[in-house]
PDB file of N, CA and C in Angstrom:
ATOM      1  N   MET A   1      29.495 -47.413  50.524  1.00  0.00           N
ATOM      2  CA  MET A   1      30.025 -47.341  49.171  1.00  0.00           C
ATOM      3  C   MET A   1      29.311 -46.234  48.374  1.00  0.00           C
ATOM      4  N   GLN A   2      27.975 -46.119  48.535  1.00  0.00           N
ATOM      5  CA  GLN A   2      27.271 -45.141  47.799  1.00  0.00           C
ATOM      6  C   GLN A   2      27.644 -43.713  48.280  1.00  0.00           C
ATOM      7  N   ALA A   3      27.898 -43.590  49.531  1.00  0.00           N
ATOM      8  CA  ALA A   3      28.303 -42.270  50.075  1.00  0.00           C
ATOM      9  C   ALA A   3      29.606 -41.795  49.430  1.00  0.00           C
ATOM     10  N   LEU A   4      30.477 -42.728  49.199  1.00  0.00           N
ATOM     11  CA  LEU A   4      31.757 -42.392  48.494  1.00  0.00           C
ATOM     12  C   LEU A   4      31.504 -42.008  47.052  1.00  0.00           C
ATOM     13  N   LEU A   5      30.623 -42.734  46.426  1.00  0.00           N
ATOM     14  CA  LEU A   5      30.323 -42.427  44.993  1.00  0.00           C
ATOM     15  C   LEU A   5      29.582 -41.101  44.851  1.00  0.00           C
ATOM     16  N   LYS A   6      28.796 -40.772  45.832  1.00  0.00           N
ATOM     17  CA  LYS A   6      28.008 -39.494  45.743  1.00  0.00           C
ATOM     18  C   LYS A   6      28.927 -38.276  45.825  1.00  0.00           C
ATOM     19  N   ARG A   7      30.149 -38.424  46.288  1.00  0.00           N
ATOM     20  CA  ARG A   7      31.036 -37.274  46.358  1.00  0.00           C
ATOM     21  C   ARG A   7      31.633 -36.889  45.005  1.00  0.00           C
ATOM     22  N   CYS A   8      31.609 -37.809  44.070  1.00  0.00           N
ATOM     23  CA  CYS A   8      32.110 -37.542  42.723  1.00  0.00           C
ATOM     24  C   CYS A   8      30.922 -37.182  41.810  1.00  0.00           C
ATOM     25  N   PRO A   9      30.820 -36.009  41.263  1.00  0.00           N
ATOM     26  CA  PRO A   9      29.621 -35.598  40.496  1.00  0.00           C
ATOM     27  C   PRO A   9      29.268 -36.552  39.354  1.00  0.00           C
ATOM     28  N   PRO A  10      30.196 -37.028  38.512  1.00  0.00           N
ATOM     29  CA  PRO A  10      29.781 -37.988  37.458  1.00  0.00           C
ATOM     30  C   PRO A  10      29.211 -39.269  38.021  1.00  0.00           C
ATOM     31  N   ALA A  11      29.787 -39.765  39.071  1.00  0.00           N
ATOM     32  CA  ALA A  11      29.318 -40.983  39.696  1.00  0.00           C
ATOM     33  C   ALA A  11      27.959 -40.779  40.363  1.00  0.00           C
ATOM     34  N   ALA A  12      27.787 -39.635  40.966  1.00  0.00           N
ATOM     35  CA  ALA A  12      26.501 -39.280  41.608  1.00  0.00           C
ATOM     36  C   ALA A  12      25.397 -39.220  40.536  1.00  0.00           C
ATOM     37  N   GLU A  13      25.744 -38.677  39.373  1.00  0.00           N
ATOM     38  CA  GLU A  13      24.742 -38.604  38.291  1.00  0.00           C
ATOM     39  C   GLU A  13      24.351 -40.017  37.868  1.00  0.00           C
ATOM     40  N   GLU A  14      25.298 -40.928  37.719  1.00  0.00           N
ATOM     41  CA  GLU A  14      24.972 -42.285  37.372  1.00  0.00           C
ATOM     42  C   GLU A  14      24.116 -42.960  38.424  1.00  0.00           C
ATOM     43  N   LEU A  15      24.372 -42.700  39.691  1.00  0.00           N
ATOM     44  CA  LEU A  15      23.559 -43.267  40.767  1.00  0.00           C
ATOM     45  C   LEU A  15      22.141 -42.771  40.659  1.00  0.00           C
ATOM     46  N   ARG A  16      21.993 -41.445  40.404  1.00  0.00           N
ATOM     47  CA  ARG A  16      20.669 -40.854  40.236  1.00  0.00           C
ATOM     48  C   ARG A  16      19.922 -41.531  39.076  1.00  0.00           C
ATOM     49  N   LYS A  17      20.590 -41.714  37.958  1.00  0.00           N
ATOM     50  CA  LYS A  17      19.947 -42.406  36.823  1.00  0.00           C
ATOM     51  C   LYS A  17      19.510 -43.826  37.181  1.00  0.00           C
ATOM     52  N   GLY A  18      20.355 -44.529  37.928  1.00  0.00           N
ATOM     53  CA  GLY A  18      20.043 -45.870  38.337  1.00  0.00           C
ATOM     54  C   GLY A  18      18.843 -45.901  39.250  1.00  0.00           C
ATOM     55  N   ARG A  19      18.736 -45.009  40.193  1.00  0.00           N
ATOM     56  CA  ARG A  19      17.599 -44.904  41.118  1.00  0.00           C
ATOM     57  C   ARG A  19      16.341 -44.618  40.304  1.00  0.00           C
ATOM     58  N   ALA A  20      16.397 -43.732  39.328  1.00  0.00           N
ATOM     59  CA  ALA A  20      15.237 -43.358  38.535  1.00  0.00           C
ATOM     60  C   ALA A  20      14.789 -44.613  37.690  1.00  0.00           C
ATOM     61  N   GLN A  21      15.739 -45.357  37.148  1.00  0.00           N
ATOM     62  CA  GLN A  21      15.384 -46.520  36.353  1.00  0.00           C
ATOM     63  C   GLN A  21      14.738 -47.602  37.291  1.00  0.00           C
ATOM     64  N   THR A  22      15.211 -47.697  38.501  1.00  0.00           N
ATOM     65  CA  THR A  22      14.656 -48.642  39.443  1.00  0.00           C
ATOM     66  C   THR A  22      13.248 -48.254  39.821  1.00  0.00           C
ATOM     67  N   ARG A  23      12.988 -46.924  40.027  1.00  0.00           N
ATOM     68  CA  ARG A  23      11.673 -46.436  40.326  1.00  0.00           C
ATOM     69  C   ARG A  23      10.693 -46.756  39.227  1.00  0.00           C
ATOM     70  N   TRP A  24      11.134 -46.573  37.938  1.00  0.00           N
ATOM     71  CA  TRP A  24      10.257 -46.863  36.821  1.00  0.00           C
ATOM     72  C   TRP A  24       9.886 -48.332  36.805  1.00  0.00           C
ATOM     73  N   ALA A  25      10.923 -49.189  37.049  1.00  0.00           N
ATOM     74  CA  ALA A  25      10.650 -50.623  37.081  1.00  0.00           C
ATOM     75  C   ALA A  25       9.655 -51.001  38.175  1.00  0.00           C
ATOM     76  N   LEU A  26       9.849 -50.420  39.368  1.00  0.00           N
ATOM     77  CA  LEU A  26       8.930 -50.745  40.481  1.00  0.00           C
ATOM     78  C   LEU A  26       7.556 -50.112  40.224  1.00  0.00           C
ATOM     79  N   ALA A  27       7.421 -49.118  39.434  1.00  0.00           N
ATOM     80  CA  ALA A  27       6.131 -48.529  39.119  1.00  0.00           C
ATOM     81  C   ALA A  27       5.305 -49.487  38.268  1.00  0.00           C
ATOM     82  N   LEU A  28       5.975 -50.382  37.591  1.00  0.00           N
ATOM     83  CA  LEU A  28       5.242 -51.343  36.719  1.00  0.00           C
ATOM     84  C   LEU A  28       4.646 -52.522  37.536  1.00  0.00           C
ATOM     85  N   VAL A  29       5.103 -52.692  38.759  1.00  0.00           N
ATOM     86  CA  VAL A  29       4.638 -53.842  39.544  1.00  0.00           C
ATOM     87  C   VAL A  29       3.105 -53.702  39.861  1.00  0.00           C
ATOM     88  N   PRO A  30       2.651 -52.536  40.302  1.00  0.00           N
ATOM     89  CA  PRO A  30       1.166 -52.428  40.499  1.00  0.00           C
ATOM     90  C   PRO A  30       0.371 -52.538  39.193  1.00  0.00           C
ATOM     91  N   VAL A  31       0.964 -52.106  38.074  1.00  0.00           N
ATOM     92  CA  VAL A  31       0.312 -52.294  36.777  1.00  0.00           C
ATOM     93  C   VAL A  31       0.141 -53.770  36.467  1.00  0.00           C
ATOM     94  N   MET A  32       1.188 -54.559  36.746  1.00  0.00           N
ATOM     95  CA  MET A  32       1.107 -55.988  36.513  1.00  0.00           C
ATOM     96  C   MET A  32       0.041 -56.599  37.418  1.00  0.00           C
ATOM     97  N   ALA A  33       0.015 -56.206  38.693  1.00  0.00           N
ATOM     98  CA  ALA A  33      -0.941 -56.772  39.645  1.00  0.00           C
ATOM     99  C   ALA A  33      -2.385 -56.453  39.214  1.00  0.00           C
ATOM    100  N   ALA A  34      -2.614 -55.202  38.887  1.00  0.00           N
ATOM    101  CA  ALA A  34      -3.945 -54.785  38.486  1.00  0.00           C
ATOM    102  C   ALA A  34      -4.389 -55.490  37.161  1.00  0.00           C
ATOM    103  N   ALA A  35      -3.513 -55.613  36.221  1.00  0.00           N
ATOM    104  CA  ALA A  35      -3.827 -56.271  34.941  1.00  0.00           C
ATOM    105  C   ALA A  35      -4.092 -57.756  35.196  1.00  0.00           C
ATOM    106  N   LEU A  36      -3.378 -58.364  36.093  1.00  0.00           N
ATOM    107  CA  LEU A  36      -3.575 -59.766  36.428  1.00  0.00           C
ATOM    108  C   LEU A  36      -4.996 -59.941  37.075  1.00  0.00           C
ATOM    109  N   LEU A  37      -5.320 -59.112  38.013  1.00  0.00           N
ATOM    110  CA  LEU A  37      -6.622 -59.210  38.645  1.00  0.00           C
ATOM    111  C   LEU A  37      -7.778 -58.940  37.723  1.00  0.00           C
ATOM    112  N   VAL A  38      -7.656 -57.944  36.858  1.00  0.00           N
ATOM    113  CA  VAL A  38      -8.709 -57.614  35.929  1.00  0.00           C
ATOM    114  C   VAL A  38      -8.837 -58.713  34.881  1.00  0.00           C
ATOM    115  N   GLY A  39      -7.725 -59.216  34.408  1.00  0.00           N
ATOM    116  CA  GLY A  39      -7.727 -60.299  33.390  1.00  0.00           C
ATOM    117  C   GLY A  39      -8.352 -61.551  33.973  1.00  0.00           C
ATOM    118  N   LYS A  40      -8.011 -61.881  35.209  1.00  0.00           N
ATOM    119  CA  LYS A  40      -8.589 -63.067  35.875  1.00  0.00           C
ATOM    120  C   LYS A  40     -10.051 -62.920  36.050  1.00  0.00           C
ATOM    121  N   HIS A  41     -10.479 -61.711  36.453  1.00  0.00           N
ATOM    122  CA  HIS A  41     -11.925 -61.486  36.653  1.00  0.00           C
ATOM    123  C   HIS A  41     -12.665 -61.596  35.345  1.00  0.00           C
ATOM    124  N   GLN A  42     -12.120 -61.028  34.308  1.00  0.00           N
ATOM    125  CA  GLN A  42     -12.815 -61.064  32.992  1.00  0.00           C
ATOM    126  C   GLN A  42     -12.883 -62.510  32.467  1.00  0.00           C
ATOM    127  N   ALA A  43     -11.778 -63.247  32.634  1.00  0.00           N
ATOM    128  CA  ALA A  43     -11.753 -64.633  32.171  1.00  0.00           C
ATOM    129  C   ALA A  43     -12.726 -65.528  32.980  1.00  0.00           C
ATOM    130  N   ASP A  44     -12.805 -65.230  34.281  1.00  0.00           N
ATOM    131  CA  ASP A  44     -13.714 -66.005  35.140  1.00  0.00           C
ATOM    132  C   ASP A  44     -15.169 -65.758  34.770  1.00  0.00           C
ATOM    133  N   GLN A  45     -15.471 -64.555  34.320  1.00  0.00           N
ATOM    134  CA  GLN A  45     -16.855 -64.227  33.942  1.00  0.00           C
ATOM    135  C   GLN A  45     -17.297 -65.043  32.685  1.00  0.00           C
ATOM    136  N   GLN A  46     -16.296 -65.421  31.895  1.00  0.00           N
ATOM    137  CA  GLN A  46     -16.614 -66.187  30.676  1.00  0.00           C
ATOM    138  C   GLN A  46     -16.121 -67.611  30.784  1.00  0.00           C
ATOM    139  N   LYS A  47     -16.240 -68.173  31.992  1.00  0.00           N
ATOM    140  CA  LYS A  47     -15.662 -69.486  32.267  1.00  0.00           C
ATOM    141  C   LYS A  47     -16.179 -70.605  31.371  1.00  0.00           C
ATOM    142  N   ASN A  48     -17.440 -70.543  31.026  1.00  0.00           N
ATOM    143  CA  ASN A  48     -18.083 -71.659  30.267  1.00  0.00           C
ATOM    144  C   ASN A  48     -17.867 -71.513  28.756  1.00  0.00           C
ATOM    145  N   GLU A  49     -17.274 -70.403  28.278  1.00  0.00           N
ATOM    146  CA  GLU A  49     -17.067 -70.222  26.879  1.00  0.00           C
ATOM    147  C   GLU A  49     -15.712 -70.813  26.469  1.00  0.00           C
ATOM    148  N   PRO A  50     -15.590 -71.345  25.251  1.00  0.00           N
ATOM    149  CA  PRO A  50     -14.317 -71.878  24.833  1.00  0.00           C
ATOM    150  C   PRO A  50     -13.303 -70.767  24.596  1.00  0.00           C
ATOM    151  N   GLY A  51     -12.061 -71.140  24.681  1.00  0.00           N
ATOM    152  CA  GLY A  51     -10.964 -70.189  24.348  1.00  0.00           C
ATOM    153  C   GLY A  51     -10.005 -70.037  25.519  1.00  0.00           C
ATOM    154  N   SER A  52      -8.936 -69.427  25.211  1.00  0.00           N
ATOM    155  CA  SER A  52      -7.911 -69.203  26.246  1.00  0.00           C
ATOM    156  C   SER A  52      -8.243 -67.977  27.056  1.00  0.00           C
ATOM    157  N   ALA A  53      -7.502 -67.785  28.131  1.00  0.00           N
ATOM    158  CA  ALA A  53      -7.673 -66.602  28.963  1.00  0.00           C
ATOM    159  C   ALA A  53      -7.367 -65.325  28.157  1.00  0.00           C
ATOM    160  N   PHE A  54      -6.431 -65.418  27.254  1.00  0.00           N
ATOM    161  CA  PHE A  54      -6.055 -64.270  26.432  1.00  0.00           C
ATOM    162  C   PHE A  54      -7.218 -63.904  25.505  1.00  0.00           C
ATOM    163  N   SER A  55      -7.869 -64.867  24.936  1.00  0.00           N
ATOM    164  CA  SER A  55      -8.990 -64.562  23.999  1.00  0.00           C
ATOM    165  C   SER A  55     -10.205 -64.016  24.794  1.00  0.00           C
ATOM    166  N   LYS A  56     -10.302 -64.322  26.108  1.00  0.00           N
ATOM    167  CA  LYS A  56     -11.361 -63.834  26.915  1.00  0.00           C
ATOM    168  C   LYS A  56     -11.104 -62.428  27.483  1.00  0.00           C
ATOM    169  N   ALA A  57      -9.824 -62.116  27.674  1.00  0.00           N
ATOM    170  CA  ALA A  57      -9.451 -60.811  28.262  1.00  0.00           C
ATOM    171  C   ALA A  57      -8.158 -60.328  27.598  1.00  0.00           C
ATOM    172  N   PRO A  58      -8.210 -59.959  26.308  1.00  0.00           N
ATOM    173  CA  PRO A  58      -6.979 -59.602  25.617  1.00  0.00           C
ATOM    174  C   PRO A  58      -6.316 -58.327  26.075  1.00  0.00           C
ATOM    175  N   VAL A  59      -7.087 -57.325  26.446  1.00  0.00           N
ATOM    176  CA  VAL A  59      -6.452 -56.041  26.802  1.00  0.00           C
ATOM    177  C   VAL A  59      -5.728 -56.125  28.123  1.00  0.00           C
ATOM    178  N   PRO A  60      -6.378 -56.628  29.234  1.00  0.00           N
ATOM    179  CA  PRO A  60      -5.621 -56.684  30.458  1.00  0.00           C
ATOM    180  C   PRO A  60      -4.395 -57.627  30.390  1.00  0.00           C
ATOM    181  N   ILE A  61      -4.566 -58.723  29.702  1.00  0.00           N
ATOM    182  CA  ILE A  61      -3.411 -59.669  29.608  1.00  0.00           C
ATOM    183  C   ILE A  61      -2.283 -59.033  28.773  1.00  0.00           C
ATOM    184  N   SER A  62      -2.614 -58.256  27.756  1.00  0.00           N
ATOM    185  CA  SER A  62      -1.619 -57.518  27.000  1.00  0.00           C
ATOM    186  C   SER A  62      -0.877 -56.523  27.887  1.00  0.00           C
ATOM    187  N   PHE A  63      -1.638 -55.817  28.755  1.00  0.00           N
ATOM    188  CA  PHE A  63      -1.042 -54.913  29.682  1.00  0.00           C
ATOM    189  C   PHE A  63      -0.113 -55.660  30.617  1.00  0.00           C
ATOM    190  N   LEU A  64      -0.537 -56.819  31.091  1.00  0.00           N
ATOM    191  CA  LEU A  64       0.233 -57.616  31.981  1.00  0.00           C
ATOM    192  C   LEU A  64       1.582 -58.020  31.344  1.00  0.00           C
ATOM    193  N   LEU A  65       1.479 -58.554  30.120  1.00  0.00           N
ATOM    194  CA  LEU A  65       2.667 -58.956  29.418  1.00  0.00           C
ATOM    195  C   LEU A  65       3.607 -57.765  29.124  1.00  0.00           C
ATOM    196  N   GLY A  66       3.052 -56.626  28.723  1.00  0.00           N
ATOM    197  CA  GLY A  66       3.834 -55.450  28.457  1.00  0.00           C
ATOM    198  C   GLY A  66       4.558 -54.951  29.705  1.00  0.00           C
ATOM    199  N   ALA A  67       3.803 -54.900  30.799  1.00  0.00           N
ATOM    200  CA  ALA A  67       4.419 -54.459  32.041  1.00  0.00           C
ATOM    201  C   ALA A  67       5.465 -55.441  32.548  1.00  0.00           C
ATOM    202  N   PHE A  68       5.235 -56.726  32.376  1.00  0.00           N
ATOM    203  CA  PHE A  68       6.223 -57.766  32.751  1.00  0.00           C
ATOM    204  C   PHE A  68       7.506 -57.622  31.938  1.00  0.00           C
ATOM    205  N   VAL A  69       7.385 -57.450  30.619  1.00  0.00           N
ATOM    206  CA  VAL A  69       8.545 -57.289  29.790  1.00  0.00           C
ATOM    207  C   VAL A  69       9.285 -55.988  30.117  1.00  0.00           C
ATOM    208  N   GLY A  70       8.550 -54.929  30.332  1.00  0.00           N
ATOM    209  CA  GLY A  70       9.117 -53.640  30.666  1.00  0.00           C
ATOM    210  C   GLY A  70       9.861 -53.728  31.988  1.00  0.00           C
ATOM    211  N   PHE A  71       9.225 -54.357  33.002  1.00  0.00           N
ATOM    212  CA  PHE A  71       9.891 -54.528  34.287  1.00  0.00           C
ATOM    213  C   PHE A  71      11.195 -55.301  34.149  1.00  0.00           C
ATOM    214  N   GLY A  72      11.148 -56.369  33.378  1.00  0.00           N
ATOM    215  CA  GLY A  72      12.344 -57.194  33.198  1.00  0.00           C
ATOM    216  C   GLY A  72      13.451 -56.402  32.505  1.00  0.00           C
ATOM    217  N   TYR A  73      13.089 -55.677  31.464  1.00  0.00           N
ATOM    218  CA  TYR A  73      14.096 -54.938  30.751  1.00  0.00           C
ATOM    219  C   TYR A  73      14.722 -53.859  31.630  1.00  0.00           C
ATOM    220  N   LEU A  74      13.883 -53.094  32.336  1.00  0.00           N
ATOM    221  CA  LEU A  74      14.383 -52.003  33.165  1.00  0.00           C
ATOM    222  C   LEU A  74      15.242 -52.531  34.308  1.00  0.00           C
ATOM    223  N   SER A  75      14.818 -53.663  34.896  1.00  0.00           N
ATOM    224  CA  SER A  75      15.545 -54.258  35.996  1.00  0.00           C
ATOM    225  C   SER A  75      16.908 -54.803  35.603  1.00  0.00           C
ATOM    226  N   PHE A  76      16.928 -55.600  34.540  1.00  0.00           N
ATOM    227  CA  PHE A  76      18.132 -56.294  34.157  1.00  0.00           C
ATOM    228  C   PHE A  76      19.085 -55.465  33.301  1.00  0.00           C
ATOM    229  N   SER A  77      18.602 -54.350  32.776  1.00  0.00           N
ATOM    230  CA  SER A  77      19.526 -53.531  32.000  1.00  0.00           C
ATOM    231  C   SER A  77      20.046 -52.331  32.769  1.00  0.00           C
ATOM    232  N   ASN A  78      19.749 -52.348  34.064  1.00  0.00           N
ATOM    233  CA  ASN A  78      20.232 -51.196  34.930  1.00  0.00           C
ATOM    234  C   ASN A  78      21.688 -51.454  35.324  1.00  0.00           C
ATOM    235  N   THR A  79      22.596 -50.795  34.598  1.00  0.00           N
ATOM    236  CA  THR A  79      24.008 -50.980  34.855  1.00  0.00           C
ATOM    237  C   THR A  79      24.601 -49.642  35.368  1.00  0.00           C
ATOM    238  N   HIS A  80      23.787 -48.769  35.924  1.00  0.00           N
ATOM    239  CA  HIS A  80      24.235 -47.462  36.329  1.00  0.00           C
ATOM    240  C   HIS A  80      25.175 -47.527  37.522  1.00  0.00           C
ATOM    241  N   PHE A  81      25.006 -48.522  38.383  1.00  0.00           N
ATOM    242  CA  PHE A  81      25.936 -48.638  39.551  1.00  0.00           C
ATOM    243  C   PHE A  81      27.302 -48.962  39.052  1.00  0.00           C
ATOM    244  N   ASP A  82      27.431 -49.873  38.114  1.00  0.00           N
ATOM    245  CA  ASP A  82      28.768 -50.206  37.526  1.00  0.00           C
ATOM    246  C   ASP A  82      29.339 -48.950  36.840  1.00  0.00           C
ATOM    247  N   LYS A  83      28.514 -48.233  36.116  1.00  0.00           N
ATOM    248  CA  LYS A  83      28.953 -46.969  35.434  1.00  0.00           C
ATOM    249  C   LYS A  83      29.425 -45.948  36.479  1.00  0.00           C
ATOM    250  N   ALA A  84      28.740 -45.907  37.630  1.00  0.00           N
ATOM    251  CA  ALA A  84      29.111 -44.943  38.667  1.00  0.00           C
ATOM    252  C   ALA A  84      30.500 -45.308  39.252  1.00  0.00           C
ATOM    253  N   ILE A  85      30.788 -46.581  39.407  1.00  0.00           N
ATOM    254  CA  ILE A  85      32.110 -47.025  39.876  1.00  0.00           C
ATOM    255  C   ILE A  85      33.145 -46.682  38.847  1.00  0.00           C
ATOM    256  N   GLU A  86      32.854 -46.924  37.561  1.00  0.00           N
ATOM    257  CA  GLU A  86      33.808 -46.578  36.528  1.00  0.00           C
ATOM    258  C   GLU A  86      34.058 -45.053  36.477  1.00  0.00           C
ATOM    259  N   ALA A  87      33.013 -44.265  36.648  1.00  0.00           N
ATOM    260  CA  ALA A  87      33.166 -42.791  36.673  1.00  0.00           C
ATOM    261  C   ALA A  87      34.032 -42.384  37.872  1.00  0.00           C
ATOM    262  N   TYR A  88      33.821 -43.002  38.986  1.00  0.00           N
ATOM    263  CA  TYR A  88      34.622 -42.658  40.147  1.00  0.00           C
ATOM    264  C   TYR A  88      36.098 -43.034  39.949  1.00  0.00           C
ATOM    265  N   ASN A  89      36.314 -44.207  39.356  1.00  0.00           N
ATOM    266  CA  ASN A  89      37.692 -44.698  39.172  1.00  0.00           C
ATOM    267  C   ASN A  89      38.426 -43.877  38.113  1.00  0.00           C
ATOM    268  N   ARG A  90      37.725 -43.228  37.177  1.00  0.00           N
ATOM    269  CA  ARG A  90      38.370 -42.431  36.181  1.00  0.00           C
ATOM    270  C   ARG A  90      39.116 -41.247  36.763  1.00  0.00           C
ATOM    271  N   ARG A  91      38.718 -40.836  37.948  1.00  0.00           N
ATOM    272  CA  ARG A  91      39.423 -39.739  38.626  1.00  0.00           C
ATOM    273  C   ARG A  91      40.849 -40.073  38.925  1.00  0.00           C
ATOM    274  N   PHE A  92      41.173 -41.347  39.057  1.00  0.00           N
ATOM    275  CA  PHE A  92      42.514 -41.820  39.485  1.00  0.00           C
ATOM    276  C   PHE A  92      43.379 -42.199  38.303  1.00  0.00           C
ATOM    277  N   HIS A  93      42.870 -42.108  37.096  1.00  0.00           N
ATOM    278  CA  HIS A  93      43.683 -42.504  35.936  1.00  0.00           C
ATOM    279  C   HIS A  93      44.136 -41.278  35.168  1.00  0.00           C
TER     280      HIS A  93
END
């Protein structure tokens, strides 16, 4: 299917945009993992102190939440494949 879409320049451009958006989303996965590990480590160092994990490690957990939201947005808003199909079908109308 993608080989057929790559033959049409507007559809190929949409496929390229979709791949780029997917790469950006996947680039956030290591950020999430690193932030989770650093946040857990910082929270474990202050195990006997009162408060939530966020109050013990606010920066790494903020990075974790930001990367998680960014990953979700980039993943679920990626409609470039559908746009590529529409661009390909426009040739026949």
